[in-house]
C-alpha atoms as a PDB file:
ATOM      1  CA  MET A   1      13.042  23.631 -52.976  1.00  0.00           C
ATOM      2  CA  SER A   2      12.364  21.325 -50.043  1.00  0.00           C
ATOM      3  CA  THR A   3      14.688  18.451 -49.238  1.00  0.00           C
ATOM      4  CA  PRO A   4      12.826  15.653 -47.457  1.00  0.00           C
ATOM      5  CA  ASP A   5      14.633  14.266 -44.414  1.00  0.00           C
ATOM      6  CA  MET A   6      13.800  10.580 -44.455  1.00  0.00           C
ATOM      7  CA  LYS A   7      15.524   7.983 -42.316  1.00  0.00           C
ATOM      8  CA  THR A   8      16.733   4.699 -43.691  1.00  0.00           C
ATOM      9  CA  SER A   9      14.137   2.023 -42.938  1.00  0.00           C
ATOM     10  CA  LYS A  10      12.242  -0.818 -44.490  1.00  0.00           C
ATOM     11  CA  SER A  11       9.872   1.762 -45.953  1.00  0.00           C
ATOM     12  CA  LYS A  12       8.270   0.728 -49.206  1.00  0.00           C
ATOM     13  CA  VAL A  13       9.761   2.196 -52.369  1.00  0.00           C
ATOM     14  CA  ARG A  14       6.755   4.045 -53.769  1.00  0.00           C
ATOM     15  CA  THR A  15       8.272   6.732 -56.030  1.00  0.00           C
ATOM     16  CA  ALA A  16      10.273   6.468 -59.238  1.00  0.00           C
ATOM     17  CA  ILE A  17      12.058   9.414 -60.845  1.00  0.00           C
ATOM     18  CA  PHE A  18      12.626   9.366 -64.609  1.00  0.00           C
ATOM     19  CA  PRO A  19      15.256  11.909 -65.744  1.00  0.00           C
ATOM     20  CA  VAL A  20      14.217  12.568 -69.366  1.00  0.00           C
ATOM     21  CA  ALA A  21      15.455  16.117 -70.002  1.00  0.00           C
ATOM     22  CA  GLY A  22      18.450  15.208 -72.163  1.00  0.00           C
ATOM     23  CA  LEU A  23      18.391  16.439 -75.757  1.00  0.00           C
ATOM     24  CA  GLY A  24      19.670  13.244 -77.369  1.00  0.00           C
ATOM     25  CA  THR A  25      22.377  14.875 -79.462  1.00  0.00           C
ATOM     26  CA  ARG A  26      23.935  11.516 -80.373  1.00  0.00           C
ATOM     27  CA  PHE A  27      20.761  10.602 -82.275  1.00  0.00           C
ATOM     28  CA  LEU A  28      20.319  13.795 -84.269  1.00  0.00           C
ATOM     29  CA  PRO A  29      18.624  14.404 -86.655  1.00  0.00           C
ATOM     30  CA  ALA A  30      16.143  11.762 -85.415  1.00  0.00           C
ATOM     31  CA  THR A  31      15.792  13.562 -82.075  1.00  0.00           C
ATOM     32  CA  LYS A  32      15.272  17.009 -83.568  1.00  0.00           C
ATOM     33  CA  ALA A  33      11.519  16.541 -83.181  1.00  0.00           C
ATOM     34  CA  THR A  34      11.237  13.219 -81.339  1.00  0.00           C
ATOM     35  CA  PRO A  35      12.567  12.858 -77.768  1.00  0.00           C
ATOM     36  CA  LYS A  36      15.216  10.142 -77.548  1.00  0.00           C
ATOM     37  CA  GLU A  37      13.148   8.390 -74.865  1.00  0.00           C
ATOM     38  CA  LEU A  38      10.384   7.878 -77.436  1.00  0.00           C
ATOM     39  CA  LEU A  39      12.664   6.295 -80.018  1.00  0.00           C
ATOM     40  CA  PRO A  40      11.386   2.747 -80.535  1.00  0.00           C
ATOM     41  CA  VAL A  41      13.075  -0.547 -79.916  1.00  0.00           C
ATOM     42  CA  LEU A  42      11.290  -2.150 -82.845  1.00  0.00           C
ATOM     43  CA  ASP A  43       7.747  -0.945 -81.999  1.00  0.00           C
ATOM     44  CA  LYS A  44       8.041  -0.102 -78.295  1.00  0.00           C
ATOM     45  CA  PRO A  45       9.494   3.240 -77.103  1.00  0.00           C
ATOM     46  CA  LEU A  46      12.376   3.133 -74.651  1.00  0.00           C
ATOM     47  CA  LEU A  47      10.286   5.067 -72.154  1.00  0.00           C
ATOM     48  CA  GLN A  48       7.565   2.422 -72.219  1.00  0.00           C
ATOM     49  CA  PHE A  49      10.050  -0.257 -71.158  1.00  0.00           C
ATOM     50  CA  ALA A  50      10.999   1.958 -68.198  1.00  0.00           C
ATOM     51  CA  ILE A  51       7.380   2.651 -67.231  1.00  0.00           C
ATOM     52  CA  ASP A  52       6.499  -1.037 -67.425  1.00  0.00           C
ATOM     53  CA  GLU A  53       9.508  -1.896 -65.261  1.00  0.00           C
ATOM     54  CA  ALA A  54       8.390   0.611 -62.633  1.00  0.00           C
ATOM     55  CA  ARG A  55       4.850  -0.744 -62.671  1.00  0.00           C
ATOM     56  CA  ALA A  56       6.047  -4.312 -62.243  1.00  0.00           C
ATOM     57  CA  ALA A  57       8.045  -3.170 -59.204  1.00  0.00           C
ATOM     58  CA  GLY A  58       4.953  -1.725 -57.520  1.00  0.00           C
ATOM     59  CA  ILE A  59       5.775   1.955 -57.994  1.00  0.00           C
ATOM     60  CA  GLU A  60       2.836   4.215 -57.111  1.00  0.00           C
ATOM     61  CA  ARG A  61       4.102   7.632 -58.217  1.00  0.00           C
ATOM     62  CA  MET A  62       6.153   8.429 -61.322  1.00  0.00           C
ATOM     63  CA  ILE A  63       7.961  11.751 -61.626  1.00  0.00           C
ATOM     64  CA  PHE A  64       9.277  12.742 -65.037  1.00  0.00           C
ATOM     65  CA  VAL A  65      12.015  15.379 -64.999  1.00  0.00           C
ATOM     66  CA  SER A  66      11.735  16.738 -68.503  1.00  0.00           C
ATOM     67  CA  HIS A  67      12.682  19.728 -70.665  1.00  0.00           C
ATOM     68  CA  PRO A  68      10.237  22.344 -72.030  1.00  0.00           C
ATOM     69  CA  SER A  69      11.078  21.305 -75.595  1.00  0.00           C
ATOM     70  CA  LYS A  70       9.984  17.706 -74.983  1.00  0.00           C
ATOM     71  CA  SER A  71       6.212  18.072 -74.595  1.00  0.00           C
ATOM     72  CA  ALA A  72       5.756  14.905 -76.659  1.00  0.00           C
ATOM     73  CA  ILE A  73       6.760  12.857 -73.600  1.00  0.00           C
ATOM     74  CA  GLU A  74       3.877  14.217 -71.557  1.00  0.00           C
ATOM     75  CA  ARG A  75       1.481  13.584 -74.417  1.00  0.00           C
ATOM     76  CA  TYR A  76       2.775  10.028 -74.753  1.00  0.00           C
ATOM     77  CA  VAL A  77       2.510   9.216 -71.054  1.00  0.00           C
ATOM     78  CA  HIS A  78      -1.102  10.359 -70.632  1.00  0.00           C
ATOM     79  CA  GLN A  79      -4.206   8.704 -72.006  1.00  0.00           C
ATOM     80  CA  ASP A  80      -5.409   9.812 -75.449  1.00  0.00           C
ATOM     81  CA  LEU A  81      -9.097   8.968 -75.243  1.00  0.00           C
ATOM     82  CA  GLU A  82      -9.896  10.573 -78.598  1.00  0.00           C
ATOM     83  CA  LEU A  83      -7.296   8.508 -80.439  1.00  0.00           C
ATOM     84  CA  CYS A  84      -8.412   5.299 -78.739  1.00  0.00           C
ATOM     85  CA  ALA A  85     -12.045   6.033 -79.607  1.00  0.00           C
ATOM     86  CA  THR A  86     -11.117   6.675 -83.251  1.00  0.00           C
ATOM     87  CA  LEU A  87      -9.194   3.404 -83.437  1.00  0.00           C
ATOM     88  CA  ARG A  88     -12.109   1.458 -81.988  1.00  0.00           C
ATOM     89  CA  GLU A  89     -14.517   3.069 -84.450  1.00  0.00           C
ATOM     90  CA  ARG A  90     -12.265   1.810 -87.233  1.00  0.00           C
ATOM     91  CA  GLY A  91     -12.170  -1.702 -85.836  1.00  0.00           C
ATOM     92  CA  LYS A  92      -8.623  -1.443 -84.488  1.00  0.00           C
ATOM     93  CA  THR A  93      -9.640  -2.509 -80.994  1.00  0.00           C
ATOM     94  CA  GLU A  94      -6.462  -4.413 -80.217  1.00  0.00           C
ATOM     95  CA  ILE A  95      -4.263  -1.376 -80.955  1.00  0.00           C
ATOM     96  CA  ALA A  96      -6.551   0.860 -78.902  1.00  0.00           C
ATOM     97  CA  ASP A  97      -6.346  -1.544 -75.958  1.00  0.00           C
ATOM     98  CA  THR A  98      -2.554  -1.607 -76.200  1.00  0.00           C
ATOM     99  CA  LEU A  99      -2.374   2.203 -76.120  1.00  0.00           C
ATOM    100  CA  HIS A 100      -4.805   2.385 -73.221  1.00  0.00           C
ATOM    101  CA  GLU A 101      -2.825  -0.156 -71.175  1.00  0.00           C
ATOM    102  CA  ALA A 102       0.486   1.573 -71.897  1.00  0.00           C
ATOM    103  CA  ALA A 103      -0.665   5.021 -70.769  1.00  0.00           C
ATOM    104  CA  ILE A 104      -0.834   6.167 -67.165  1.00  0.00           C
ATOM    105  CA  ASP A 105      -4.060   5.127 -65.448  1.00  0.00           C
ATOM    106  CA  PRO A 106      -5.035   8.078 -63.210  1.00  0.00           C
ATOM    107  CA  GLU A 107      -7.187   5.819 -61.039  1.00  0.00           C
ATOM    108  CA  CYS A 108      -4.266   3.756 -59.775  1.00  0.00           C
ATOM    109  CA  GLU A 109      -1.095   5.650 -60.757  1.00  0.00           C
ATOM    110  CA  GLU A 110       0.154   9.134 -59.960  1.00  0.00           C
ATOM    111  CA  VAL A 111       2.273  11.125 -62.366  1.00  0.00           C
ATOM    112  CA  PHE A 112       4.067  14.463 -62.077  1.00  0.00           C
ATOM    113  CA  PHE A 113       6.085  16.428 -64.621  1.00  0.00           C
ATOM    114  CA  VAL A 114       8.773  18.889 -63.519  1.00  0.00           C
ATOM    115  CA  MET A 115      11.101  20.824 -65.778  1.00  0.00           C
ATOM    116  CA  GLN A 116      14.904  20.927 -65.856  1.00  0.00           C
ATOM    117  CA  PRO A 117      15.496  23.894 -68.208  1.00  0.00           C
ATOM    118  CA  GLU A 118      19.303  23.606 -68.184  1.00  0.00           C
ATOM    119  CA  PRO A 119      21.529  20.502 -68.488  1.00  0.00           C
ATOM    120  CA  LEU A 120      22.998  20.730 -64.989  1.00  0.00           C
ATOM    121  CA  GLY A 121      23.548  17.014 -64.447  1.00  0.00           C
ATOM    122  CA  LEU A 122      21.782  13.884 -63.262  1.00  0.00           C
ATOM    123  CA  GLY A 123      22.036  14.944 -59.619  1.00  0.00           C
ATOM    124  CA  HIS A 124      20.283  18.218 -60.395  1.00  0.00           C
ATOM    125  CA  ALA A 125      17.560  16.349 -62.289  1.00  0.00           C
ATOM    126  CA  VAL A 126      16.890  14.113 -59.279  1.00  0.00           C
ATOM    127  CA  LEU A 127      16.822  17.164 -56.980  1.00  0.00           C
ATOM    128  CA  CYS A 128      14.213  18.790 -59.246  1.00  0.00           C
ATOM    129  CA  ALA A 129      11.813  15.987 -58.241  1.00  0.00           C
ATOM    130  CA  ALA A 130      12.264  16.471 -54.475  1.00  0.00           C
ATOM    131  CA  ASP A 131       9.019  18.333 -53.865  1.00  0.00           C
ATOM    132  CA  HIS A 132       6.889  15.524 -55.277  1.00  0.00           C
ATOM    133  CA  VAL A 133       8.374  12.314 -53.840  1.00  0.00           C
ATOM    134  CA  LEU A 134       6.369  10.166 -51.449  1.00  0.00           C
ATOM    135  CA  PRO A 135       7.868   9.418 -48.010  1.00  0.00           C
ATOM    136  CA  GLY A 136      10.579   6.775 -47.947  1.00  0.00           C
ATOM    137  CA  PRO A 137      13.315   5.705 -50.350  1.00  0.00           C
ATOM    138  CA  VAL A 138      13.046   6.568 -54.051  1.00  0.00           C
ATOM    139  CA  ALA A 139      13.948   4.787 -57.265  1.00  0.00           C
ATOM    140  CA  VAL A 140      15.655   6.430 -60.229  1.00  0.00           C
ATOM    141  CA  ILE A 141      15.316   4.900 -63.695  1.00  0.00           C
ATOM    142  CA  LEU A 142      17.339   6.043 -66.696  1.00  0.00           C
ATOM    143  CA  PRO A 143      15.364   4.970 -69.786  1.00  0.00           C
ATOM    144  CA  ASP A 144      18.559   5.034 -71.896  1.00  0.00           C
ATOM    145  CA  ASP A 145      19.663   1.941 -69.997  1.00  0.00           C
ATOM    146  CA  LEU A 146      17.347  -0.810 -71.201  1.00  0.00           C
ATOM    147  CA  ILE A 147      17.562  -3.813 -68.870  1.00  0.00           C
ATOM    148  CA  VAL A 148      15.492  -6.851 -69.764  1.00  0.00           C
ATOM    149  CA  GLY A 149      15.130 -10.196 -68.058  1.00  0.00           C
ATOM    150  CA  GLU A 150      12.636 -12.655 -66.635  1.00  0.00           C
ATOM    151  CA  LYS A 151      12.303 -10.319 -63.666  1.00  0.00           C
ATOM    152  CA  GLY A 152      12.659  -6.563 -63.974  1.00  0.00           C
ATOM    153  CA  CYS A 153      15.859  -5.031 -62.638  1.00  0.00           C
ATOM    154  CA  LEU A 154      13.974  -2.603 -60.402  1.00  0.00           C
ATOM    155  CA  SER A 155      11.799  -5.405 -59.024  1.00  0.00           C
ATOM    156  CA  GLU A 156      14.919  -7.352 -58.092  1.00  0.00           C
ATOM    157  CA  MET A 157      16.504  -4.323 -56.472  1.00  0.00           C
ATOM    158  CA  ILE A 158      13.454  -3.301 -54.457  1.00  0.00           C
ATOM    159  CA  GLU A 159      12.942  -6.846 -53.206  1.00  0.00           C
ATOM    160  CA  ALA A 160      16.546  -6.924 -51.963  1.00  0.00           C
ATOM    161  CA  TYR A 161      16.415  -3.348 -50.674  1.00  0.00           C
ATOM    162  CA  GLU A 162      13.292  -3.719 -48.585  1.00  0.00           C
ATOM    163  CA  THR A 163      14.699  -6.765 -46.773  1.00  0.00           C
ATOM    164  CA  SER A 164      18.253  -5.534 -46.159  1.00  0.00           C
ATOM    165  CA  GLU A 165      18.212  -1.765 -45.474  1.00  0.00           C
ATOM    166  CA  PRO A 166      21.353  -0.871 -47.430  1.00  0.00           C
ATOM    167  CA  GLY A 167      20.741   2.897 -47.524  1.00  0.00           C
ATOM    168  CA  HIS A 168      21.678   3.556 -51.138  1.00  0.00           C
ATOM    169  CA  MET A 169      21.592   0.742 -53.706  1.00  0.00           C
ATOM    170  CA  VAL A 170      22.926   1.040 -57.264  1.00  0.00           C
ATOM    171  CA  ALA A 171      22.689  -1.422 -60.136  1.00  0.00           C
ATOM    172  CA  THR A 172      26.126  -2.625 -61.219  1.00  0.00           C
ATOM    173  CA  MET A 173      27.691  -4.780 -63.884  1.00  0.00           C
ATOM    174  CA  GLU A 174      31.271  -5.813 -64.519  1.00  0.00           C
ATOM    175  CA  VAL A 175      32.915  -4.060 -67.462  1.00  0.00           C
ATOM    176  CA  LYS A 176      36.305  -4.274 -69.112  1.00  0.00           C
ATOM    177  CA  ARG A 177      39.155  -2.205 -67.709  1.00  0.00           C
ATOM    178  CA  ASP A 178      39.293   0.001 -70.806  1.00  0.00           C
ATOM    179  CA  GLU A 179      35.568   0.806 -70.418  1.00  0.00           C
ATOM    180  CA  VAL A 180      35.463   1.991 -66.793  1.00  0.00           C
ATOM    181  CA  SER A 181      36.170   5.630 -67.640  1.00  0.00           C
ATOM    182  CA  ALA A 182      32.672   5.879 -69.124  1.00  0.00           C
ATOM    183  CA  TYR A 183      30.927   4.956 -65.852  1.00  0.00           C
ATOM    184  CA  GLY A 184      30.571   5.662 -62.188  1.00  0.00           C
ATOM    185  CA  VAL A 185      32.496   2.868 -60.478  1.00  0.00           C
ATOM    186  CA  LEU A 186      31.903   1.205 -57.121  1.00  0.00           C
ATOM    187  CA  VAL A 187      34.522   1.156 -54.352  1.00  0.00           C
ATOM    188  CA  PRO A 188      33.769  -2.314 -52.931  1.00  0.00           C
ATOM    189  CA  GLU A 189      34.157  -3.530 -49.367  1.00  0.00           C
ATOM    190  CA  GLY A 190      34.781  -7.245 -49.026  1.00  0.00           C
ATOM    191  CA  GLU A 191      33.234 -10.039 -51.039  1.00  0.00           C
ATOM    192  CA  ALA A 192      29.835 -10.112 -52.673  1.00  0.00           C
ATOM    193  CA  GLU A 193      26.905 -11.566 -50.759  1.00  0.00           C
ATOM    194  CA  GLY A 194      24.754 -13.100 -53.450  1.00  0.00           C
ATOM    195  CA  GLN A 195      23.776 -10.295 -55.810  1.00  0.00           C
ATOM    196  CA  MET A 196      24.769  -7.578 -53.344  1.00  0.00           C
ATOM    197  CA  LEU A 197      28.206  -6.017 -52.957  1.00  0.00           C
ATOM    198  CA  ARG A 198      28.840  -3.653 -50.054  1.00  0.00           C
ATOM    199  CA  ALA A 199      30.776  -0.514 -50.914  1.00  0.00           C
ATOM    200  CA  SER A 200      32.354   2.480 -49.230  1.00  0.00           C
ATOM    201  CA  GLY A 201      31.782   4.869 -52.095  1.00  0.00           C
ATOM    202  CA  MET A 202      31.709   5.571 -55.822  1.00  0.00           C
ATOM    203  CA  VAL A 203      34.024   7.311 -58.254  1.00  0.00           C
ATOM    204  CA  GLU A 204      32.671   9.086 -61.350  1.00  0.00           C
ATOM    205  CA  LYS A 205      34.429   8.138 -64.610  1.00  0.00           C
ATOM    206  CA  PRO A 206      37.856   7.245 -63.208  1.00  0.00           C
ATOM    207  CA  GLU A 207      40.906   6.744 -65.406  1.00  0.00           C
ATOM    208  CA  ALA A 208      41.282   3.085 -66.326  1.00  0.00           C
ATOM    209  CA  ASP A 209      44.446   2.532 -64.282  1.00  0.00           C
ATOM    210  CA  LYS A 210      42.962   4.259 -61.212  1.00  0.00           C
ATOM    211  CA  ALA A 211      39.550   2.611 -61.104  1.00  0.00           C
ATOM    212  CA  PRO A 212      38.808   1.046 -57.700  1.00  0.00           C
ATOM    213  CA  SER A 213      36.966  -1.878 -59.318  1.00  0.00           C
ATOM    214  CA  LEU A 214      35.364  -3.029 -62.543  1.00  0.00           C
ATOM    215  CA  GLN A 215      31.855  -2.787 -61.065  1.00  0.00           C
ATOM    216  CA  ALA A 216      30.227  -0.092 -63.197  1.00  0.00           C
ATOM    217  CA  VAL A 217      27.047   1.644 -62.097  1.00  0.00           C
ATOM    218  CA  VAL A 218      24.224   1.634 -64.660  1.00  0.00           C
ATOM    219  CA  GLY A 219      20.864   3.363 -64.785  1.00  0.00           C
ATOM    220  CA  ARG A 220      18.906   1.962 -61.832  1.00  0.00           C
ATOM    221  CA  TYR A 221      19.091   3.329 -58.303  1.00  0.00           C
ATOM    222  CA  VAL A 222      17.161   2.856 -55.068  1.00  0.00           C
ATOM    223  CA  LEU A 223      18.148   5.722 -52.806  1.00  0.00           C
ATOM    224  CA  ASP A 224      17.567   6.624 -49.194  1.00  0.00           C
ATOM    225  CA  GLY A 225      15.507   9.810 -48.829  1.00  0.00           C
ATOM    226  CA  SER A 226      18.561  11.620 -47.445  1.00  0.00           C
ATOM    227  CA  ILE A 227      19.836  11.852 -51.031  1.00  0.00           C
ATOM    228  CA  PHE A 228      17.932  15.120 -51.476  1.00  0.00           C
ATOM    229  CA  ALA A 229      19.646  16.816 -48.534  1.00  0.00           C
ATOM    230  CA  ASP A 230      23.024  15.680 -49.885  1.00  0.00           C
ATOM    231  CA  LEU A 231      22.218  16.991 -53.351  1.00  0.00           C
ATOM    232  CA  ASP A 232      21.014  20.348 -52.088  1.00  0.00           C
ATOM    233  CA  GLY A 233      23.973  22.725 -52.198  1.00  0.00           C
ATOM    234  CA  LEU A 234      26.338  20.100 -53.618  1.00  0.00           C
ATOM    235  CA  PRO A 235      29.041  21.832 -55.684  1.00  0.00           C
ATOM    236  CA  ALA A 236      29.395  21.056 -59.368  1.00  0.00           C
ATOM    237  CA  GLY A 237      31.586  18.064 -60.061  1.00  0.00           C
ATOM    238  CA  LEU A 238      32.923  16.421 -63.206  1.00  0.00           C
ATOM    239  CA  GLY A 239      31.941  18.352 -66.332  1.00  0.00           C
ATOM    240  CA  GLY A 240      30.600  21.252 -64.283  1.00  0.00           C
ATOM    241  CA  GLU A 241      27.451  19.265 -63.465  1.00  0.00           C
ATOM    242  CA  ILE A 242      25.780  18.213 -60.215  1.00  0.00           C
ATOM    243  CA  GLN A 243      26.745  14.549 -60.099  1.00  0.00           C
ATOM    244  CA  LEU A 244      24.396  12.031 -58.499  1.00  0.00           C
ATOM    245  CA  THR A 245      27.464   9.858 -57.944  1.00  0.00           C
ATOM    246  CA  ASP A 246      28.996  12.534 -55.690  1.00  0.00           C
ATOM    247  CA  ALA A 247      25.860  12.747 -53.530  1.00  0.00           C
ATOM    248  CA  ILE A 248      25.656   8.956 -53.216  1.00  0.00           C
ATOM    249  CA  ALA A 249      29.311   8.814 -52.202  1.00  0.00           C
ATOM    250  CA  LEU A 250      28.706  11.598 -49.668  1.00  0.00           C
ATOM    251  CA  GLY A 251      25.846   9.694 -48.088  1.00  0.00           C
ATOM    252  CA  ALA A 252      27.539   6.287 -48.120  1.00  0.00           C
ATOM    253  CA  GLU A 253      29.208   6.801 -44.727  1.00  0.00           C
ATOM    254  CA  LYS A 254      25.908   7.824 -43.124  1.00  0.00           C
ATOM    255  CA  VAL A 255      23.379   5.415 -44.590  1.00  0.00           C
ATOM    256  CA  GLY A 256      25.439   2.737 -46.335  1.00  0.00           C
ATOM    257  CA  LEU A 257      25.897   1.765 -49.960  1.00  0.00           C
ATOM    258  CA  CYS A 258      25.802  -1.425 -51.957  1.00  0.00           C
ATOM    259  CA  GLY A 259      25.919  -2.485 -55.552  1.00  0.00           C
ATOM    260  CA  PHE A 260      23.311  -4.870 -56.915  1.00  0.00           C
ATOM    261  CA  ARG A 261      24.367  -7.239 -59.661  1.00  0.00           C
ATOM    262  CA  PHE A 262      21.135  -7.643 -61.609  1.00  0.00           C
ATOM    263  CA  SER A 263      20.322 -10.773 -63.575  1.00  0.00           C
ATOM    264  CA  GLY A 264      18.983  -9.223 -66.784  1.00  0.00           C
ATOM    265  CA  ALA A 265      20.710  -8.106 -69.974  1.00  0.00           C
ATOM    266  CA  ARG A 266      21.572  -4.418 -70.282  1.00  0.00           C
ATOM    267  CA  PHE A 267      21.664  -2.404 -73.498  1.00  0.00           C
ATOM    268  CA  ASP A 268      23.164   1.074 -73.646  1.00  0.00           C
ATOM    269  CA  CYS A 269      20.482   2.729 -75.759  1.00  0.00           C
ATOM    270  CA  GLY A 270      22.139   6.098 -75.334  1.00  0.00           C
ATOM    271  CA  SER A 271      24.412   4.963 -78.154  1.00  0.00           C
ATOM    272  CA  LYS A 272      23.501   3.993 -81.713  1.00  0.00           C
ATOM    273  CA  ALA A 273      25.292   0.650 -81.437  1.00  0.00           C
ATOM    274  CA  GLY A 274      23.475  -0.164 -78.202  1.00  0.00           C
ATOM    275  CA  MET A 275      20.118   0.799 -79.697  1.00  0.00           C
ATOM    276  CA  LEU A 276      20.784  -1.477 -82.662  1.00  0.00           C
ATOM    277  CA  ARG A 277      21.762  -4.364 -80.374  1.00  0.00           C
ATOM    278  CA  ALA A 278      18.595  -3.876 -78.340  1.00  0.00           C
ATOM    279  CA  THR A 279      16.387  -3.786 -81.424  1.00  0.00           C
ATOM    280  CA  LEU A 280      17.907  -6.962 -82.874  1.00  0.00           C
ATOM    281  CA  ALA A 281      17.721  -8.756 -79.532  1.00  0.00           C
ATOM    282  CA  TYR A 282      14.098  -7.711 -79.010  1.00  0.00           C
ATOM    283  CA  ALA A 283      13.154  -8.774 -82.528  1.00  0.00           C
ATOM    284  CA  GLY A 284      14.826 -12.103 -81.839  1.00  0.00           C
ATOM    285  CA  THR A 285      12.347 -12.803 -79.038  1.00  0.00           C
ATOM    286  CA  GLN A 286       9.413 -12.667 -81.458  1.00  0.00           C
ATOM    287  CA  LYS A 287       9.011 -15.494 -83.961  1.00  0.00           C
ATOM    288  CA  GLU A 288       7.365 -13.332 -86.616  1.00  0.00           C
ATOM    289  CA  TYR A 289      10.654 -11.483 -87.138  1.00  0.00           C
ATOM    290  CA  HIS A 290      12.967 -14.503 -87.279  1.00  0.00           C
ATOM    291  CA  PRO A 291      12.761 -14.833 -91.098  1.00  0.00           C
ATOM    292  CA  VAL A 292      13.659 -11.146 -91.453  1.00  0.00           C
ATOM    293  CA  LEU A 293      16.685 -11.518 -89.195  1.00  0.00           C
ATOM    294  CA  GLN A 294      17.844 -14.572 -91.138  1.00  0.00           C
ATOM    295  CA  GLU A 295      17.596 -12.846 -94.505  1.00  0.00           C
ATOM    296  CA  MET A 296      19.312  -9.612 -93.489  1.00  0.00           C
ATOM    297  CA  GLN A 297      21.983  -8.372 -95.856  1.00  0.00           C
ATOM    298  CA  PRO A 298      24.013  -5.143 -95.763  1.00  0.00           C
ATOM    299  CA  LEU A 299      22.442  -2.264 -97.686  1.00  0.00           C
ATOM    300  CA  PRO A 300      24.013  -1.674-101.130  1.00  0.00           C
ATOM    301  CA  ILE A 301      25.381   1.715-100.137  1.00  0.00           C
ATOM    302  CA  ALA A 302      28.803   2.920 -99.110  1.00  0.00           C
ATOM    303  CA  ALA A 303      29.568   2.796 -95.392  1.00  0.00           C
ATOM    304  CA  GLU A 304      29.761   6.174 -93.666  1.00  0.00           C
END
């Protein structure tokens, strides 16, 4: 596998990597046949939010690092001309247009699928995409982390990245002390400069009393191209997996590192509670669902 050697510069961020190989065990049995990334927040799959965010940020090439058992993702991403034609024949033009707009347009967007057969970690998933990235820095989007706001998180990050040359940039948010052990955590240097916080490194899932800060890293990254060289040959870290956090920390001294405190709201849709919060919040933005939200009552069944 090649490892592109790309220098830090004001190069445009043209590639986004979507690690989507996880098996979604926390959502079984729902994910037995349906990939977790295609689970809907009301009527819109998590993956579609991520794709739309990448598009809004000007991404030209999308690389999906998937698993052989999740062929439904590839089917979802590509155009289904037969289905759209059938819908139009039945007078469902608006639905057909929505599907057409959501799918990848081969005339203006590039898409690649690569497989990660074994769960060897987020760092390994990113490395799997190395052969297909365009020159320059790359973005990584974790669809499980739904971030919504007036401006997309990745758009904010790329705008800041392309004018400041930070090397590696990671999205961060402040969490409670008793929550830091669930995240990669930034090791900050000095005070924040606007939304950016310079850092000397990252620590993966530290114990609460040993965490270097409360700035937790969430699922958006803009990474210098040297990340692939640092991932290649990196020994397994926490949990026996190739940790992206370890490679970012390794490269921080060479290319620099900063956290980016995004303005949107983040929902952890890798958890059932987070998915529920996201669904309720999304429904709350649409007037047609307000009466339903107001009339909600607990189901007349025993709690599990």
